Protein backbone atom coordinates (compact mmCIF):
# COMPACT_ATOMS: atom_id res chain seq x y z
CA MET A 1 16.43 28.09 -21.13
CA VAL A 2 13.61 28.64 -18.62
CA THR A 3 12.79 25.66 -16.41
CA PRO A 4 9.00 25.35 -16.30
CA LYS A 5 7.17 25.28 -13.01
CA ARG A 6 5.62 21.87 -12.35
CA LEU A 7 2.34 21.51 -10.52
CA VAL A 8 0.93 18.10 -9.52
CA PHE A 9 -2.71 17.75 -8.48
CA PHE A 10 -3.47 14.82 -6.19
CA GLN A 11 -6.72 13.41 -4.86
CA ALA A 12 -5.50 11.77 -1.65
CA ASN A 13 -8.84 10.33 -0.56
CA THR A 14 -8.52 6.79 0.81
CA GLN A 15 -9.45 4.58 3.76
CA TYR A 16 -8.25 7.06 6.35
CA GLU A 17 -8.29 4.50 9.17
CA ASN A 18 -5.98 2.16 7.26
CA THR A 19 -2.32 2.84 8.10
CA GLY A 20 -1.24 0.92 5.00
CA ASP A 21 -3.16 3.29 2.74
CA VAL A 22 -1.69 6.27 4.56
CA LEU A 23 1.75 4.73 3.99
CA ILE A 24 1.45 4.33 0.20
CA ASN A 25 -0.12 7.76 -0.26
CA LYS A 26 2.69 9.35 1.74
CA SER A 27 5.31 7.41 -0.21
CA LEU A 28 3.83 8.65 -3.50
CA LEU A 29 3.79 12.25 -2.30
CA ASP A 30 7.41 11.95 -1.20
CA HIS A 31 8.30 10.85 -4.74
CA LEU A 32 6.43 13.72 -6.35
CA LYS A 33 7.84 16.43 -4.09
CA HIS A 34 11.31 15.82 -5.53
CA TYR A 35 10.07 17.06 -8.90
CA ALA A 36 7.13 19.40 -8.48
CA ASN A 37 4.92 21.53 -6.30
CA ILE A 38 1.89 19.68 -4.93
CA VAL A 39 -1.79 20.56 -4.67
CA VAL A 40 -3.69 18.09 -2.48
CA ASN A 41 -7.47 17.99 -2.37
CA ASP A 42 -7.86 17.86 1.41
CA ALA A 43 -11.54 18.85 1.35
CA GLY A 44 -13.41 16.67 3.82
CA MET A 45 -10.29 14.84 4.96
CA PRO A 46 -9.35 14.41 8.62
CA VAL A 47 -6.68 16.93 9.58
CA TRP A 48 -4.59 14.22 11.30
CA TYR A 49 -4.50 12.26 8.02
CA VAL A 50 -3.32 15.23 5.96
CA ASP A 51 -0.72 16.00 8.64
CA GLU A 52 0.55 12.41 8.62
CA LEU A 53 0.96 12.59 4.85
CA GLY A 54 3.32 15.51 5.44
CA VAL A 55 1.25 17.92 3.34
CA GLY A 56 2.26 21.52 3.98
CA GLN A 57 -0.31 24.24 4.59
CA SER A 58 0.41 25.87 1.23
CA GLU A 59 -0.13 22.52 -0.52
CA ARG A 60 -3.71 22.10 0.71
CA ILE A 61 -6.58 23.19 -1.52
CA SER A 62 -8.47 24.28 1.61
CA ASN A 63 -5.87 27.04 2.10
CA ILE A 64 -5.80 28.08 -1.56
CA GLY A 65 -9.43 29.16 -1.41
CA LYS A 66 -10.62 27.46 -4.61
CA SER A 67 -12.32 24.20 -5.51
CA PHE A 68 -9.90 21.43 -6.46
CA LYS A 69 -11.41 20.83 -9.91
CA GLY A 70 -11.78 24.55 -10.61
CA TYR A 71 -8.17 25.23 -9.67
CA LEU A 72 -7.02 22.26 -11.77
CA ILE A 73 -8.88 23.50 -14.85
CA SER A 74 -7.64 27.08 -14.44
CA ALA A 75 -4.07 25.83 -14.01
CA ALA A 76 -4.48 23.59 -17.06
CA LEU A 77 -5.63 26.56 -19.14
CA ARG A 78 -2.65 28.62 -17.97
CA GLY A 79 -0.38 25.71 -18.79
CA PHE A 80 -1.93 25.44 -22.26
CA PHE A 81 -1.17 29.06 -23.09
CA PHE A 82 2.17 29.23 -21.27
CA ARG A 83 3.62 25.78 -21.91
CA LYS A 84 7.22 26.90 -21.62
CA THR A 85 6.76 28.12 -18.06
CA LEU A 86 4.09 25.83 -16.55
CA LYS A 87 3.54 22.05 -16.67
CA ILE A 88 0.46 20.47 -15.07
CA TYR A 89 0.08 16.86 -13.89
CA LEU A 90 -2.81 14.93 -12.38
CA ILE A 91 -2.57 11.77 -10.31
CA ALA A 92 -5.61 9.80 -11.47
CA GLY A 93 -6.85 8.56 -8.13
CA PRO A 94 -5.03 7.33 -5.02
CA PRO A 95 -2.95 4.12 -5.06
CA GLY A 96 -4.55 0.88 -3.86
CA HIS A 97 -6.54 -2.11 -5.07
CA GLN A 98 -9.32 -2.12 -7.66
CA SER A 99 -11.90 -4.86 -8.14
CA GLY A 100 -15.62 -5.49 -8.68
CA ASN A 101 -18.08 -4.89 -11.49
CA SER A 102 -20.34 -2.07 -10.31
CA LYS A 103 -22.27 -0.47 -13.18
CA SER A 104 -22.43 2.85 -11.35
CA LYS A 105 -18.68 2.82 -10.73
CA ALA A 106 -18.07 1.95 -14.38
CA VAL A 107 -20.19 4.93 -15.44
CA ARG A 108 -18.23 7.22 -13.08
CA ASN A 109 -14.97 5.92 -14.49
CA ILE A 110 -16.12 6.58 -18.06
CA ILE A 111 -17.13 10.12 -17.11
CA SER A 112 -13.75 10.67 -15.50
CA GLY A 113 -12.20 9.33 -18.72
CA PHE A 114 -13.88 12.13 -20.70
CA PHE A 115 -12.54 14.59 -18.13
CA PHE A 116 -9.03 13.16 -18.57
CA CYS A 117 -9.44 13.58 -22.33
CA PHE A 118 -10.33 17.25 -21.87
CA LEU A 119 -7.32 17.79 -19.61
CA GLN A 120 -4.99 16.02 -22.03
CA LEU A 121 -6.10 18.35 -24.81
CA LEU A 122 -4.90 21.18 -22.57
CA GLY A 123 -1.52 19.49 -22.17
CA VAL A 124 -2.04 17.94 -18.71
CA LYS A 125 -0.18 14.69 -18.09
CA ILE A 126 -2.38 12.05 -16.43
CA ILE A 127 -0.65 9.49 -14.19
CA LYS A 128 -2.09 6.34 -12.66
CA VAL A 129 0.33 4.70 -10.26
CA GLY A 130 0.67 2.31 -7.33
CA PHE A 131 -2.37 0.09 -7.77
CA SER A 132 -3.37 -3.49 -8.53
CA LEU A 133 -6.33 -5.06 -10.30
CA GLY A 134 -8.35 -7.81 -8.67
CA SER A 135 -11.35 -9.67 -9.99
CA ILE A 136 -13.11 -7.23 -12.33
CA GLY A 137 -16.15 -7.76 -14.52
CA ASN A 138 -16.91 -6.60 -18.04
CA TYR A 139 -18.30 -3.20 -17.02
CA ILE A 140 -15.26 -2.18 -14.99
CA ALA A 141 -12.89 -3.72 -17.54
CA PHE A 142 -14.44 -1.66 -20.37
CA ALA A 143 -14.43 1.53 -18.29
CA GLU A 144 -10.84 1.01 -17.17
CA LYS A 145 -9.66 0.40 -20.73
CA PHE A 146 -11.51 3.52 -21.92
CA ARG A 147 -10.11 5.68 -19.13
CA SER A 148 -6.59 4.37 -19.74
CA LEU A 149 -6.69 5.83 -23.27
CA PHE A 150 -6.30 9.24 -21.67
CA THR A 151 -3.51 8.44 -19.21
CA ASN A 152 0.10 9.16 -20.08
CA PHE A 153 1.53 6.75 -17.52
CA TYR A 154 -0.19 3.59 -16.28
CA TYR A 155 1.98 2.11 -13.53
CA ILE A 156 0.72 -1.11 -11.94
CA ARG A 157 2.23 -2.84 -8.92
CA ASP A 158 2.31 -6.60 -9.64
CA SER A 159 2.64 -8.99 -12.58
CA ILE A 160 -0.76 -10.64 -12.06
CA SER A 161 -2.48 -7.26 -12.37
CA LEU A 162 -0.19 -6.32 -15.23
CA LYS A 163 -1.27 -9.40 -17.19
CA LEU A 164 -4.92 -8.62 -16.46
CA ALA A 165 -4.43 -5.04 -17.68
CA LYS A 166 -2.80 -6.27 -20.89
CA ASP A 167 -5.56 -8.86 -21.38
CA ILE A 168 -8.29 -6.19 -21.30
CA GLY A 169 -6.37 -4.10 -23.82
CA ILE A 170 -4.31 -1.67 -21.74
CA LYS A 171 -1.06 -2.04 -23.64
CA LYS A 172 0.66 0.94 -22.02
CA ALA A 173 0.59 -0.72 -18.56
CA VAL A 174 4.05 -0.94 -16.96
CA PHE A 175 5.21 -2.62 -13.76
CA PHE A 176 5.91 -0.20 -10.90
CA PRO A 177 6.78 -1.68 -7.47
CA ASP A 178 4.34 -1.26 -4.59
CA LEU A 179 4.88 2.15 -3.03
CA ALA A 180 5.53 0.63 0.39
CA TRP A 181 8.96 -0.47 -0.85
CA THR A 182 10.07 3.14 -1.27
CA TYR A 183 8.65 4.43 2.01
CA HIS A 184 11.33 5.95 4.24
CA PRO A 185 10.25 5.80 7.89
CA VAL A 186 11.15 8.74 10.05
CA MET A 187 13.25 7.54 12.97
CA SER A 188 13.09 9.57 16.16
CA ALA A 189 16.39 11.10 17.23
CA VAL A 190 16.08 9.43 20.63
CA ASN A 191 15.61 5.90 19.34
CA SER A 192 17.36 5.84 15.95
CA THR A 193 20.73 4.81 17.37
CA VAL A 194 19.37 2.30 19.89
CA THR A 195 19.66 -1.41 19.09
CA TYR A 196 16.69 -3.42 20.34
CA PRO A 197 16.74 -7.17 20.99
CA LYS A 198 14.41 -8.81 18.48
CA ASN A 199 12.28 -10.91 20.79
CA LYS A 200 8.68 -10.29 19.68
CA ILE A 201 6.38 -11.84 17.11
CA LEU A 202 3.46 -9.62 16.17
CA ILE A 203 0.10 -10.90 14.97
CA THR A 204 -2.43 -8.86 12.98
CA PHE A 205 -5.19 -10.06 10.66
CA ARG A 206 -8.22 -8.96 8.73
CA ASP A 207 -11.19 -11.31 8.94
CA ALA A 208 -11.25 -12.27 5.26
CA VAL A 209 -9.17 -12.37 2.09
CA GLY A 210 -11.24 -9.53 0.64
CA LYS A 211 -14.15 -7.32 1.50
CA GLY A 212 -17.31 -9.41 1.82
CA ASP A 213 -15.41 -12.74 1.80
CA TYR A 214 -15.92 -13.49 5.49
CA ASN A 215 -16.20 -17.21 6.26
CA ASP A 216 -15.68 -19.36 9.34
CA THR A 217 -13.43 -21.87 7.55
CA TYR A 218 -10.78 -19.23 6.79
CA LEU A 219 -10.90 -17.99 10.38
CA HIS A 220 -10.63 -21.51 11.77
CA LYS A 221 -7.53 -22.16 9.66
CA ILE A 222 -5.81 -19.00 10.93
CA ASP A 223 -6.69 -19.85 14.53
CA ARG A 224 -5.37 -23.41 14.10
CA ILE A 225 -2.04 -22.23 12.71
CA LEU A 226 -1.58 -19.49 15.32
CA ASP A 227 -2.34 -22.01 18.06
CA ALA A 228 0.40 -24.31 16.77
CA THR A 229 2.82 -21.39 16.44
CA LEU A 230 2.31 -20.18 20.01
CA ASN A 231 2.47 -23.71 21.33
CA LYS A 232 5.92 -24.11 19.78
CA TYR A 233 7.38 -20.66 20.41
CA GLN A 234 5.62 -19.33 23.52
CA HIS A 235 8.74 -19.78 25.66
CA LYS A 236 11.14 -18.30 23.12
CA TYR A 237 9.30 -15.18 21.88
CA GLU A 238 6.85 -12.67 23.23
CA PHE A 239 3.62 -12.64 21.21
CA VAL A 240 1.60 -9.45 20.75
CA VAL A 241 -1.62 -8.87 18.81
CA VAL A 242 -1.81 -5.45 17.11
CA TYR A 243 -3.83 -3.80 14.35
CA GLN A 244 -2.98 -1.23 11.66
CA VAL A 245 -6.50 -0.92 10.27
CA GLN A 246 -9.33 0.28 12.48
CA MET A 247 -11.82 -2.19 11.00
CA ASP A 248 -9.52 -5.06 12.07
CA TYR A 249 -9.88 -4.23 15.76
CA ASP A 250 -12.79 -6.57 16.52
CA PHE A 251 -11.27 -9.56 14.76
CA CYS A 252 -7.81 -9.04 16.26
CA LYS A 253 -9.38 -8.71 19.70
CA LYS A 254 -11.30 -11.92 19.06
CA LEU A 255 -8.07 -13.71 18.14
CA TYR A 256 -6.41 -12.37 21.28
CA ASP A 257 -9.29 -13.46 23.52
CA LYS A 258 -9.12 -17.01 22.18
CA LEU A 259 -5.34 -17.31 22.25
CA SER A 260 -4.93 -15.69 25.67
CA GLU A 261 -6.99 -18.48 27.22
CA ARG A 262 -4.17 -20.89 26.36
CA TYR A 263 -1.00 -18.85 26.01
CA PRO A 264 0.81 -15.80 27.40
CA ILE A 265 0.02 -13.10 24.86
CA SER A 266 -0.77 -9.37 24.98
CA PHE A 267 -2.96 -7.00 22.97
CA VAL A 268 -2.26 -3.38 22.02
CA GLU A 269 -5.45 -1.33 22.26
CA ASP A 270 -4.16 1.61 20.20
CA GLN A 271 -4.00 1.40 16.41
CA ILE A 272 -0.50 1.33 14.93
CA THR A 273 0.07 4.48 12.86
CA LEU A 274 3.03 5.70 10.84
CA GLY A 275 3.91 7.91 13.80
CA SER A 276 3.84 5.10 16.36
CA ALA A 277 5.28 2.31 14.18
CA GLN A 278 8.84 2.71 15.43
CA GLU A 279 7.71 2.33 19.04
CA PHE A 280 5.94 -0.96 18.35
CA TYR A 281 8.08 -2.53 15.62
CA SER A 282 11.68 -1.87 16.66
CA ASP A 283 11.97 -5.02 18.78
CA VAL A 284 9.99 -7.32 16.48
CA ILE A 285 11.62 -10.30 14.78
CA CYS A 286 8.60 -11.34 12.74
CA MET A 287 5.16 -10.12 11.70
CA LEU A 288 2.48 -12.75 11.00
CA THR A 289 -0.35 -11.20 9.00
CA ASN A 290 -2.64 -11.25 5.99
CA ARG A 291 -2.24 -7.48 5.59
CA LEU A 292 0.26 -6.58 2.85
CA HIS A 293 1.24 -3.20 4.25
CA GLY A 294 1.19 -4.47 7.81
CA ALA A 295 3.94 -6.83 6.72
CA LEU A 296 5.95 -4.33 4.67
CA LEU A 297 5.78 -1.57 7.29
CA ALA A 298 7.05 -3.98 9.94
CA TYR A 299 9.87 -4.95 7.57
CA LYS A 300 10.98 -1.31 7.46
CA TYR A 301 11.83 -1.63 11.16
CA GLY A 302 13.69 -4.94 10.86
CA ALA A 303 10.96 -7.59 11.10
CA LEU A 304 10.47 -10.53 8.77
CA PRO A 305 7.23 -9.81 6.84
CA VAL A 306 5.54 -13.23 6.90
CA ILE A 307 2.17 -13.59 5.18
CA LEU A 308 -0.37 -16.16 6.37
CA THR A 309 -3.43 -16.40 4.13
CA ASP A 310 -5.19 -18.36 1.40
CA ILE A 311 -2.48 -17.60 -1.15
CA ASP A 312 -4.34 -18.47 -4.35
CA LYS A 313 -7.31 -16.28 -3.40
CA HIS A 314 -5.20 -13.42 -2.06
CA THR A 315 -3.85 -12.48 -5.48
CA LYS A 316 -2.82 -8.95 -4.51
CA ILE A 317 -0.29 -10.25 -1.99
CA LYS A 318 0.62 -13.30 -4.05
CA GLY A 319 1.57 -11.19 -7.06
CA ILE A 320 3.64 -8.69 -5.10
CA TYR A 321 5.53 -11.33 -3.10
CA GLU A 322 6.15 -13.63 -6.07
CA ASP A 323 7.43 -10.70 -8.15
CA ALA A 324 9.89 -9.91 -5.39
CA GLY A 325 11.02 -13.54 -5.15
CA LEU A 326 9.66 -13.82 -1.62
CA SER A 327 7.40 -16.84 -1.98
CA ASP A 328 9.13 -18.47 1.00
CA LEU A 329 7.69 -15.68 3.17
CA MET A 330 4.12 -16.72 2.33
CA ALA A 331 2.39 -19.47 4.32
CA ASN A 332 -0.78 -20.96 2.90
CA THR A 333 -3.67 -21.48 5.32
CA ASN A 334 -4.62 -24.56 3.29
CA ASP A 335 -1.38 -26.30 4.30
CA ASN A 336 -1.07 -28.30 7.49
CA SER A 337 0.42 -26.70 10.59
CA GLU A 338 3.53 -28.88 10.51
CA LYS A 339 4.50 -27.64 7.04
CA ILE A 340 3.88 -24.02 7.98
CA LEU A 341 5.87 -24.28 11.22
CA ALA A 342 8.77 -25.92 9.37
CA GLY A 343 8.86 -22.97 6.97
CA LEU A 344 8.59 -20.44 9.79
CA SER A 345 11.38 -22.15 11.75
CA ASP A 346 13.64 -21.98 8.71
CA LEU A 347 12.92 -18.26 8.29
CA LEU A 348 13.59 -17.47 11.95
CA GLU A 349 16.79 -19.52 12.05
CA ASN A 350 18.09 -17.79 8.92
CA LYS A 351 16.63 -14.38 9.70
CA SER A 352 19.74 -12.39 8.83
CA MET A 353 20.16 -14.02 5.42
CA VAL A 354 16.44 -13.70 4.60
CA TYR A 355 16.41 -10.05 5.63
CA LYS A 356 19.42 -9.29 3.43
CA LYS A 357 17.59 -10.93 0.52
CA ILE A 358 14.61 -8.62 1.07
CA GLN A 359 16.92 -5.60 1.33
CA LYS A 360 18.41 -6.48 -2.07
CA VAL A 361 14.92 -6.53 -3.60
CA GLU A 362 14.07 -3.26 -1.84
CA LYS A 363 17.17 -1.57 -3.26
CA GLU A 364 16.33 -2.74 -6.79
CA TYR A 365 12.73 -1.57 -6.43
CA ILE A 366 13.76 1.85 -5.15
CA GLU A 367 16.07 2.30 -8.15
CA LEU A 368 13.36 1.18 -10.60
CA SER A 369 10.74 3.42 -8.95
CA ASN A 370 13.02 6.45 -9.16
CA ILE A 371 13.66 5.80 -12.86
CA LEU A 372 9.94 5.49 -13.63
CA VAL A 373 8.96 8.60 -11.64
CA ASN A 374 11.73 10.55 -13.36
CA LYS A 375 10.25 9.57 -16.76
CA ILE A 376 7.02 11.34 -15.83
CA PHE A 377 8.79 14.68 -15.50
CA GLN A 378 11.18 14.47 -18.44
């Protein structure tokens, strides 16, 4: 029996300056490469981003000499006529978070749904994976339901989004853990065997729960809680402000400027990338952040991934942490500082036990992810 060649087409466009988005895109590609050859649409993408994803030269559409859509359609036609020797797959958009109610976006999604339908008729399998749904209006909900009719696999990363998908009529939606859980950081040969004392607490924040949600009250609450944290732990831990997302630079610098007037604290000018993460995270005991992938990337290097945000509004993080049974690693900015510090103290005092609990969840999620990815290629 001839084993068919598998070819996966992937649009890897994302927020290039967001290390968390680079992380989940790379994690997805690492999954796919175990099963198939990859074609990445790198047109217009920064070369450093494509390199950090680990995309080989032969996997880039820019080196194939054809348009991404044209090559996809021609491959789909070949797969239609030679089904025993060629199987084609399309990742329907990059992983991430979806929200809003833009009419123009809804129209684009409906058009892409018709394109998915055409590809399915040619035998292409359409996969949507690694995303969550936020607050969506009727236009986006209708478009998403329509487009989902032409997807073979609809993998969603948290139970809140899963319920929303089911509520708008997407019955095929299935839970698939956030791709950050299955990311395998590359440890440098020089540092991989070195044990670092965990004596740092890192701080990194975006200026709002979501895009366009900026408000002074939220910022004041974060500042109040960080002030209390440094006041209690300034003599026990070294505090460092960092950023993984370029757009967070100004706000993180603002936090540093305010806190440095009262406490010994430092600021890292360079953005943390996947390549530099080991250098900055190996001696960290705890990450305080409202960035999901800032927390989970730090965890990969041994830090406690502690979330500090308005939990009920930050549904993306709330869903993912609650699903994993990690509610005790979320601190609500609406609580008083004493309650938050009591919870943080308990986490730090029981760091080893808490970390083992997260590792157990990680192991389960890796196993589940592998099963679900394998189903795609059966």
